[in-house]
Amino acid sequence: LVFGAGCIGLVSMMALKAEGVSKVYVVDIMQ
C-alpha cells in the first residue's frame, strides 16, 4: 500500500510493480 499519489508516491508504486510485488494499492484524497 502506498500513501500519497504525488510524484514520489507514483514512482514508488511503479517501482514496487517493477520489483514484482503482486498487488499495489494507492491512497490519496485527490481522485
PDB file of all heavy atoms in Angstrom:
ATOM      1  N   LEU A   1       0.847  -1.181   0.000  1.00  0.00           N
ATOM      2  CA  LEU A   1       0.000   0.000   0.000  1.00  0.00           C
ATOM      3  C   LEU A   1       0.886   1.236   0.000  1.00  0.00           C
ATOM      4  O   LEU A   1       1.839   1.325   0.779  1.00  0.00           O
ATOM      5  CB  LEU A   1      -0.895   0.008   1.243  1.00  0.00           C
ATOM      6  CG  LEU A   1      -1.866   1.176   1.415  1.00  0.00           C
ATOM      7  CD1 LEU A   1      -2.896   1.193   0.290  1.00  0.00           C
ATOM      8  CD2 LEU A   1      -2.566   1.100   2.773  1.00  0.00           C
ATOM      9  N   VAL A   2       0.579   2.182  -0.886  1.00  0.00           N
ATOM     10  CA  VAL A   2       1.310   3.446  -0.965  1.00  0.00           C
ATOM     11  C   VAL A   2       0.381   4.564  -0.538  1.00  0.00           C
ATOM     12  O   VAL A   2      -0.703   4.735  -1.099  1.00  0.00           O
ATOM     13  CB  VAL A   2       1.830   3.717  -2.394  1.00  0.00           C
ATOM     14  CG1 VAL A   2       2.535   5.074  -2.463  1.00  0.00           C
ATOM     15  CG2 VAL A   2       2.780   2.605  -2.833  1.00  0.00           C
ATOM     16  N   PHE A   3       0.798   5.325   0.477  1.00  0.00           N
ATOM     17  CA  PHE A   3       0.051   6.503   0.888  1.00  0.00           C
ATOM     18  C   PHE A   3       0.614   7.719   0.146  1.00  0.00           C
ATOM     19  O   PHE A   3       1.793   8.043   0.265  1.00  0.00           O
ATOM     20  CB  PHE A   3       0.169   6.735   2.393  1.00  0.00           C
ATOM     21  CG  PHE A   3      -0.713   5.837   3.215  1.00  0.00           C
ATOM     22  CD1 PHE A   3      -0.215   4.673   3.767  1.00  0.00           C
ATOM     23  CD2 PHE A   3      -2.045   6.161   3.431  1.00  0.00           C
ATOM     24  CE1 PHE A   3      -1.023   3.847   4.532  1.00  0.00           C
ATOM     25  CE2 PHE A   3      -2.873   5.338   4.193  1.00  0.00           C
ATOM     26  CZ  PHE A   3      -2.360   4.172   4.742  1.00  0.00           C
ATOM     27  N   GLY A   4      -0.254   8.391  -0.627  1.00  0.00           N
ATOM     28  CA  GLY A   4       0.146   9.556  -1.397  1.00  0.00           C
ATOM     29  C   GLY A   4       0.358   9.206  -2.852  1.00  0.00           C
ATOM     30  O   GLY A   4       1.099   8.276  -3.173  1.00  0.00           O
ATOM     31  N   ALA A   5      -0.302   9.941  -3.739  1.00  0.00           N
ATOM     32  CA  ALA A   5      -0.180   9.695  -5.181  1.00  0.00           C
ATOM     33  C   ALA A   5       0.390  10.900  -5.894  1.00  0.00           C
ATOM     34  O   ALA A   5       0.031  11.207  -7.028  1.00  0.00           O
ATOM     35  CB  ALA A   5      -1.539   9.321  -5.777  1.00  0.00           C
ATOM     36  N   GLY A   6       1.295  11.624  -5.232  1.00  0.00           N
ATOM     37  CA  GLY A   6       2.078  12.643  -5.905  1.00  0.00           C
ATOM     38  C   GLY A   6       3.190  11.976  -6.684  1.00  0.00           C
ATOM     39  O   GLY A   6       3.188  10.758  -6.897  1.00  0.00           O
ATOM     40  N   CYS A   7       4.172  12.743  -7.088  1.00  0.00           N
ATOM     41  CA  CYS A   7       5.258  12.188  -7.902  1.00  0.00           C
ATOM     42  C   CYS A   7       5.937  11.017  -7.203  1.00  0.00           C
ATOM     43  O   CYS A   7       6.097   9.937  -7.780  1.00  0.00           O
ATOM     44  CB  CYS A   7       6.278  13.285  -8.211  1.00  0.00           C
ATOM     45  SG  CYS A   7       7.727  12.681  -9.115  1.00  0.00           S
ATOM     46  N   ILE A   8       6.367  11.198  -5.947  1.00  0.00           N
ATOM     47  CA  ILE A   8       7.100  10.144  -5.256  1.00  0.00           C
ATOM     48  C   ILE A   8       6.207   8.941  -4.981  1.00  0.00           C
ATOM     49  O   ILE A   8       6.652   7.786  -5.063  1.00  0.00           O
ATOM     50  CB  ILE A   8       7.733  10.679  -3.957  1.00  0.00           C
ATOM     51  CG1 ILE A   8       8.741  11.786  -4.283  1.00  0.00           C
ATOM     52  CG2 ILE A   8       8.417   9.561  -3.187  1.00  0.00           C
ATOM     53  CD1 ILE A   8       9.879  11.339  -5.210  1.00  0.00           C
ATOM     54  N   GLY A   9       4.948   9.178  -4.669  1.00  0.00           N
ATOM     55  CA  GLY A   9       4.030   8.068  -4.481  1.00  0.00           C
ATOM     56  C   GLY A   9       3.857   7.250  -5.749  1.00  0.00           C
ATOM     57  O   GLY A   9       3.860   6.015  -5.724  1.00  0.00           O
ATOM     58  N   LEU A  10       3.734   7.938  -6.877  1.00  0.00           N
ATOM     59  CA  LEU A  10       3.547   7.236  -8.150  1.00  0.00           C
ATOM     60  C   LEU A  10       4.782   6.454  -8.555  1.00  0.00           C
ATOM     61  O   LEU A  10       4.682   5.309  -9.003  1.00  0.00           O
ATOM     62  CB  LEU A  10       3.165   8.236  -9.244  1.00  0.00           C
ATOM     63  CG  LEU A  10       1.782   8.868  -9.112  1.00  0.00           C
ATOM     64  CD1 LEU A  10       1.575   9.945 -10.168  1.00  0.00           C
ATOM     65  CD2 LEU A  10       0.687   7.809  -9.226  1.00  0.00           C
ATOM     66  N   VAL A  11       5.962   7.053  -8.403  1.00  0.00           N
ATOM     67  CA  VAL A  11       7.175   6.308  -8.781  1.00  0.00           C
ATOM     68  C   VAL A  11       7.424   5.164  -7.806  1.00  0.00           C
ATOM     69  O   VAL A  11       7.971   4.114  -8.202  1.00  0.00           O
ATOM     70  CB  VAL A  11       8.412   7.226  -8.897  1.00  0.00           C
ATOM     71  CG1 VAL A  11       8.245   8.206 -10.046  1.00  0.00           C
ATOM     72  CG2 VAL A  11       8.714   7.954  -7.595  1.00  0.00           C
ATOM     73  N   SER A  12       7.026   5.330  -6.543  1.00  0.00           N
ATOM     74  CA  SER A  12       7.147   4.217  -5.594  1.00  0.00           C
ATOM     75  C   SER A  12       6.229   3.073  -5.998  1.00  0.00           C
ATOM     76  O   SER A  12       6.613   1.895  -5.941  1.00  0.00           O
ATOM     77  CB  SER A  12       6.809   4.693  -4.177  1.00  0.00           C
ATOM     78  OG  SER A  12       7.739   5.648  -3.721  1.00  0.00           O
ATOM     79  N   MET A  13       5.008   3.411  -6.398  1.00  0.00           N
ATOM     80  CA  MET A  13       4.083   2.386  -6.851  1.00  0.00           C
ATOM     81  C   MET A  13       4.641   1.641  -8.057  1.00  0.00           C
ATOM     82  O   MET A  13       4.626   0.401  -8.115  1.00  0.00           O
ATOM     83  CB  MET A  13       2.735   3.028  -7.196  1.00  0.00           C
ATOM     84  CG  MET A  13       1.670   2.059  -7.704  1.00  0.00           C
ATOM     85  SD  MET A  13       1.720   1.779  -9.507  1.00  0.00           S
ATOM     86  CE  MET A  13       1.231   3.395 -10.102  1.00  0.00           C
ATOM     87  N   MET A  14       5.194   2.385  -9.024  1.00  0.00           N
ATOM     88  CA  MET A  14       5.740   1.739 -10.217  1.00  0.00           C
ATOM     89  C   MET A  14       6.985   0.921  -9.892  1.00  0.00           C
ATOM     90  O   MET A  14       7.216  -0.137 -10.483  1.00  0.00           O
ATOM     91  CB  MET A  14       6.030   2.785 -11.290  1.00  0.00           C
ATOM     92  CG  MET A  14       4.776   3.387 -11.895  1.00  0.00           C
ATOM     93  SD  MET A  14       5.077   4.383 -13.385  1.00  0.00           S
ATOM     94  CE  MET A  14       5.856   5.835 -12.663  1.00  0.00           C
ATOM     95  N   ALA A  15       7.791   1.383  -8.941  1.00  0.00           N
ATOM     96  CA  ALA A  15       8.967   0.615  -8.530  1.00  0.00           C
ATOM     97  C   ALA A  15       8.551  -0.705  -7.885  1.00  0.00           C
ATOM     98  O   ALA A  15       9.153  -1.761  -8.136  1.00  0.00           O
ATOM     99  CB  ALA A  15       9.820   1.441  -7.572  1.00  0.00           C
ATOM    100  N   LEU A  16       7.528  -0.656  -7.044  1.00  0.00           N
ATOM    101  CA  LEU A  16       7.027  -1.879  -6.430  1.00  0.00           C
ATOM    102  C   LEU A  16       6.554  -2.877  -7.486  1.00  0.00           C
ATOM    103  O   LEU A  16       6.848  -4.078  -7.407  1.00  0.00           O
ATOM    104  CB  LEU A  16       5.881  -1.556  -5.467  1.00  0.00           C
ATOM    105  CG  LEU A  16       6.262  -0.822  -4.180  1.00  0.00           C
ATOM    106  CD1 LEU A  16       5.013  -0.311  -3.475  1.00  0.00           C
ATOM    107  CD2 LEU A  16       7.063  -1.725  -3.249  1.00  0.00           C
ATOM    108  N   LYS A  17       5.811  -2.382  -8.470  1.00  0.00           N
ATOM    109  CA  LYS A  17       5.338  -3.258  -9.540  1.00  0.00           C
ATOM    110  C   LYS A  17       6.504  -3.824 -10.334  1.00  0.00           C
ATOM    111  O   LYS A  17       6.522  -5.014 -10.682  1.00  0.00           O
ATOM    112  CB  LYS A  17       4.398  -2.479 -10.467  1.00  0.00           C
ATOM    113  CG  LYS A  17       3.124  -1.969  -9.808  1.00  0.00           C
ATOM    114  CD  LYS A  17       2.148  -3.087  -9.502  1.00  0.00           C
ATOM    115  CE  LYS A  17       1.516  -3.655 -10.747  1.00  0.00           C
ATOM    116  NZ  LYS A  17       0.452  -4.647 -10.433  1.00  0.00           N
ATOM    117  N   ALA A  18       7.517  -2.984 -10.603  1.00  0.00           N
ATOM    118  CA  ALA A  18       8.675  -3.431 -11.363  1.00  0.00           C
ATOM    119  C   ALA A  18       9.458  -4.503 -10.620  1.00  0.00           C
ATOM    120  O   ALA A  18      10.099  -5.366 -11.238  1.00  0.00           O
ATOM    121  CB  ALA A  18       9.586  -2.245 -11.679  1.00  0.00           C
ATOM    122  N   GLU A  19       9.417  -4.459  -9.294  1.00  0.00           N
ATOM    123  CA  GLU A  19      10.146  -5.449  -8.494  1.00  0.00           C
ATOM    124  C   GLU A  19       9.305  -6.678  -8.184  1.00  0.00           C
ATOM    125  O   GLU A  19       9.699  -7.531  -7.390  1.00  0.00           O
ATOM    126  CB  GLU A  19      10.675  -4.805  -7.220  1.00  0.00           C
ATOM    127  CG  GLU A  19      11.723  -3.734  -7.514  1.00  0.00           C
ATOM    128  CD  GLU A  19      12.630  -3.440  -6.339  1.00  0.00           C
ATOM    129  OE1 GLU A  19      12.339  -3.921  -5.221  1.00  0.00           O
ATOM    130  OE2 GLU A  19      13.631  -2.746  -6.533  1.00  0.00           O
ATOM    131  N   GLY A  20       8.135  -6.763  -8.804  1.00  0.00           N
ATOM    132  CA  GLY A  20       7.365  -7.993  -8.739  1.00  0.00           C
ATOM    133  C   GLY A  20       6.308  -8.083  -7.673  1.00  0.00           C
ATOM    134  O   GLY A  20       5.689  -9.153  -7.498  1.00  0.00           O
ATOM    135  N   VAL A  21       6.071  -6.984  -6.939  1.00  0.00           N
ATOM    136  CA  VAL A  21       5.029  -7.019  -5.912  1.00  0.00           C
ATOM    137  C   VAL A  21       3.678  -7.320  -6.581  1.00  0.00           C
ATOM    138  O   VAL A  21       3.309  -6.683  -7.572  1.00  0.00           O
ATOM    139  CB  VAL A  21       4.984  -5.691  -5.132  1.00  0.00           C
ATOM    140  CG1 VAL A  21       3.819  -5.685  -4.156  1.00  0.00           C
ATOM    141  CG2 VAL A  21       6.299  -5.489  -4.391  1.00  0.00           C
ATOM    142  N   SER A  22       2.969  -8.268  -6.034  1.00  0.00           N
ATOM    143  CA  SER A  22       1.775  -8.784  -6.706  1.00  0.00           C
ATOM    144  C   SER A  22       0.639  -7.780  -6.770  1.00  0.00           C
ATOM    145  O   SER A  22      -0.002  -7.605  -7.816  1.00  0.00           O
ATOM    146  CB  SER A  22       1.303 -10.055  -5.995  1.00  0.00           C
ATOM    147  OG  SER A  22       2.333 -11.019  -5.970  1.00  0.00           O
ATOM    148  N   LYS A  23       0.352  -7.135  -5.646  1.00  0.00           N
ATOM    149  CA  LYS A  23      -0.747  -6.178  -5.593  1.00  0.00           C
ATOM    150  C   LYS A  23      -0.269  -4.894  -4.927  1.00  0.00           C
ATOM    151  O   LYS A  23       0.301  -4.944  -3.833  1.00  0.00           O
ATOM    152  CB  LYS A  23      -1.931  -6.752  -4.818  1.00  0.00           C
ATOM    153  CG  LYS A  23      -2.559  -7.994  -5.453  1.00  0.00           C
ATOM    154  CD  LYS A  23      -3.711  -8.523  -4.603  1.00  0.00           C
ATOM    155  CE  LYS A  23      -4.330  -9.768  -5.230  1.00  0.00           C
ATOM    156  NZ  LYS A  23      -5.431 -10.306  -4.387  1.00  0.00           N
ATOM    157  N   VAL A  24      -0.523  -3.756  -5.589  1.00  0.00           N
ATOM    158  CA  VAL A  24      -0.124  -2.456  -5.041  1.00  0.00           C
ATOM    159  C   VAL A  24      -1.338  -1.531  -5.070  1.00  0.00           C
ATOM    160  O   VAL A  24      -1.855  -1.198  -6.147  1.00  0.00           O
ATOM    161  CB  VAL A  24       1.032  -1.824  -5.833  1.00  0.00           C
ATOM    162  CG1 VAL A  24       1.455  -0.511  -5.165  1.00  0.00           C
ATOM    163  CG2 VAL A  24       2.212  -2.780  -5.928  1.00  0.00           C
ATOM    164  N   TYR A  25      -1.780  -1.112  -3.892  1.00  0.00           N
ATOM    165  CA  TYR A  25      -2.894  -0.178  -3.764  1.00  0.00           C
ATOM    166  C   TYR A  25      -2.352   1.208  -3.411  1.00  0.00           C
ATOM    167  O   TYR A  25      -1.278   1.341  -2.815  1.00  0.00           O
ATOM    168  CB  TYR A  25      -3.866  -0.651  -2.685  1.00  0.00           C
ATOM    169  CG  TYR A  25      -4.509  -1.984  -2.992  1.00  0.00           C
ATOM    170  CD1 TYR A  25      -3.968  -3.172  -2.491  1.00  0.00           C
ATOM    171  CD2 TYR A  25      -5.650  -2.061  -3.789  1.00  0.00           C
ATOM    172  CE1 TYR A  25      -4.549  -4.399  -2.780  1.00  0.00           C
ATOM    173  CE2 TYR A  25      -6.235  -3.288  -4.089  1.00  0.00           C
ATOM    174  CZ  TYR A  25      -5.680  -4.452  -3.582  1.00  0.00           C
ATOM    175  OH  TYR A  25      -6.265  -5.669  -3.876  1.00  0.00           O
ATOM    176  N   VAL A  26      -3.108   2.241  -3.778  1.00  0.00           N
ATOM    177  CA  VAL A  26      -2.674   3.620  -3.557  1.00  0.00           C
ATOM    178  C   VAL A  26      -3.804   4.395  -2.880  1.00  0.00           C
ATOM    179  O   VAL A  26      -4.970   4.286  -3.269  1.00  0.00           O
ATOM    180  CB  VAL A  26      -2.285   4.313  -4.882  1.00  0.00           C
ATOM    181  CG1 VAL A  26      -1.864   5.766  -4.630  1.00  0.00           C
ATOM    182  CG2 VAL A  26      -1.152   3.548  -5.568  1.00  0.00           C
ATOM    183  N   VAL A  27      -3.435   5.198  -1.876  1.00  0.00           N
ATOM    184  CA  VAL A  27      -4.385   6.031  -1.133  1.00  0.00           C
ATOM    185  C   VAL A  27      -4.072   7.501  -1.359  1.00  0.00           C
ATOM    186  O   VAL A  27      -2.906   7.917  -1.302  1.00  0.00           O
ATOM    187  CB  VAL A  27      -4.323   5.730   0.380  1.00  0.00           C
ATOM    188  CG1 VAL A  27      -5.248   6.671   1.145  1.00  0.00           C
ATOM    189  CG2 VAL A  27      -4.672   4.282   0.665  1.00  0.00           C
ATOM    190  N   ASP A  28      -5.099   8.292  -1.606  1.00  0.00           N
ATOM    191  CA  ASP A  28      -4.937   9.740  -1.726  1.00  0.00           C
ATOM    192  C   ASP A  28      -6.312  10.368  -1.540  1.00  0.00           C
ATOM    193  O   ASP A  28      -7.328   9.656  -1.495  1.00  0.00           O
ATOM    194  CB  ASP A  28      -4.338  10.126  -3.088  1.00  0.00           C
ATOM    195  CG  ASP A  28      -3.648  11.482  -3.056  1.00  0.00           C
ATOM    196  OD1 ASP A  28      -4.359  12.501  -3.007  1.00  0.00           O
ATOM    197  OD2 ASP A  28      -2.403  11.541  -3.056  1.00  0.00           O
ATOM    198  N   ILE A  29      -6.342  11.708  -1.449  1.00  0.00           N
ATOM    199  CA  ILE A  29      -7.622  12.401  -1.340  1.00  0.00           C
ATOM    200  C   ILE A  29      -8.027  13.049  -2.661  1.00  0.00           C
ATOM    201  O   ILE A  29      -9.110  13.608  -2.769  1.00  0.00           O
ATOM    202  CB  ILE A  29      -7.594  13.475  -0.235  1.00  0.00           C
ATOM    203  CG1 ILE A  29      -6.547  14.547  -0.537  1.00  0.00           C
ATOM    204  CG2 ILE A  29      -7.360  12.844   1.120  1.00  0.00           C
ATOM    205  CD1 ILE A  29      -6.594  15.730   0.418  1.00  0.00           C
ATOM    206  N   MET A  30      -7.152  12.995  -3.669  1.00  0.00           N
ATOM    207  CA  MET A  30      -7.420  13.610  -4.967  1.00  0.00           C
ATOM    208  C   MET A  30      -7.759  12.529  -5.990  1.00  0.00           C
ATOM    209  O   MET A  30      -6.910  11.697  -6.326  1.00  0.00           O
ATOM    210  CB  MET A  30      -6.206  14.397  -5.453  1.00  0.00           C
ATOM    211  CG  MET A  30      -5.806  15.528  -4.534  1.00  0.00           C
ATOM    212  SD  MET A  30      -7.018  16.851  -4.595  1.00  0.00           S
ATOM    213  CE  MET A  30      -6.188  18.075  -3.583  1.00  0.00           C
ATOM    214  N   GLN A  31      -8.971  12.539  -6.511  1.00  0.00           N
ATOM    215  CA  GLN A  31      -9.393  11.487  -7.420  1.00  0.00           C
ATOM    216  C   GLN A  31      -8.584  11.486  -8.708  1.00  0.00           C
ATOM    217  O   GLN A  31      -8.287  10.420  -9.251  1.00  0.00           O
ATOM    218  CB  GLN A  31     -10.890  11.626  -7.731  1.00  0.00           C
ATOM    219  CG  GLN A  31     -11.452  10.441  -8.507  1.00  0.00           C
ATOM    220  CD  GLN A  31     -11.263   9.115  -7.781  1.00  0.00           C
ATOM    221  OE1 GLN A  31     -11.522   9.005  -6.585  1.00  0.00           O
ATOM    222  NE2 GLN A  31     -10.791   8.096  -8.501  1.00  0.00           N
TER     223      GLN A  31
END
